[in-house]
Amino acid sequence: MKPLIYQIIIIAFVWTGMVFFLDEMDQLSKMIFYVVTSWLLLLIVLLVKQFISQRKNSN
């Protein structure tokens, strides 16, 4: 679970930096921004799924 959390933190840091320049981005940059956003959301879903399964197995 730790590698997943570390990856979420790193991607969130990159995503936050990209948000500040969203207005100045061209079409390709915005597409990269959307890919990073999708990857971040996928990681969050996987983290929640893993958390729920670990909690379910411990009971």
Protein backbone atom coordinates (compact mmCIF):
# COMPACT_ATOMS: atom_id res chain seq x y z
CA MET A 1 0.00 0.00 0.00
CA LYS A 2 2.93 2.35 0.63
CA PRO A 3 4.09 2.47 -3.02
CA LEU A 4 0.56 3.38 -4.07
CA ILE A 5 0.42 6.21 -1.54
CA TYR A 6 3.84 7.49 -2.59
CA GLN A 7 2.80 7.45 -6.25
CA ILE A 8 -0.40 9.35 -5.43
CA ILE A 9 1.60 12.00 -3.56
CA ILE A 10 4.06 12.44 -6.44
CA ILE A 11 1.36 12.57 -9.13
CA ALA A 12 -0.73 14.97 -6.99
CA PHE A 13 2.31 17.24 -6.69
CA VAL A 14 2.82 17.23 -10.47
CA TRP A 15 -0.92 17.74 -11.06
CA THR A 16 -0.98 20.71 -8.68
CA GLY A 17 1.90 22.30 -10.57
CA MET A 18 0.12 21.78 -13.86
CA VAL A 19 -3.10 23.40 -12.59
CA PHE A 20 -1.36 26.76 -12.21
CA PHE A 21 -0.49 26.80 -15.92
CA LEU A 22 -3.76 25.39 -17.26
CA ASP A 23 -4.73 28.65 -19.01
CA GLU A 24 -1.37 28.86 -20.80
CA MET A 25 -1.37 25.26 -22.08
CA ASP A 26 -1.74 24.34 -25.71
CA GLN A 27 -3.79 21.37 -26.93
CA LEU A 28 -1.06 18.74 -26.38
CA SER A 29 -0.30 20.03 -22.89
CA LYS A 30 -3.97 19.87 -21.96
CA MET A 31 -4.14 16.30 -23.20
CA ILE A 32 -1.18 15.41 -20.98
CA PHE A 33 -2.95 17.17 -18.11
CA TYR A 34 -6.07 15.05 -18.69
CA VAL A 35 -3.99 11.86 -18.77
CA VAL A 36 -2.32 12.80 -15.49
CA THR A 37 -5.72 13.60 -14.00
CA SER A 38 -7.10 10.24 -15.12
CA TRP A 39 -4.08 8.43 -13.70
CA LEU A 40 -4.46 10.23 -10.37
CA LEU A 41 -8.13 9.34 -10.16
CA LEU A 42 -7.36 5.70 -11.00
CA LEU A 43 -4.74 5.56 -8.26
CA ILE A 44 -7.19 7.01 -5.74
CA VAL A 45 -9.82 4.42 -6.70
CA LEU A 46 -7.27 1.61 -6.37
CA LEU A 47 -6.18 2.92 -2.97
CA VAL A 48 -9.77 3.02 -1.72
CA LYS A 49 -10.39 -0.48 -3.09
CA GLN A 50 -7.26 -1.82 -1.39
CA PHE A 51 -8.17 -0.09 1.87
CA ILE A 52 -11.68 -1.57 1.84
CA SER A 53 -10.41 -5.07 1.05
CA GLN A 54 -7.81 -4.92 3.84
CA ARG A 55 -10.42 -3.69 6.28
CA LYS A 56 -12.80 -6.44 5.18
CA ASN A 57 -10.12 -9.14 5.58
CA SER A 58 -9.15 -7.96 9.06
CA ASN A 59 -12.71 -8.40 10.37
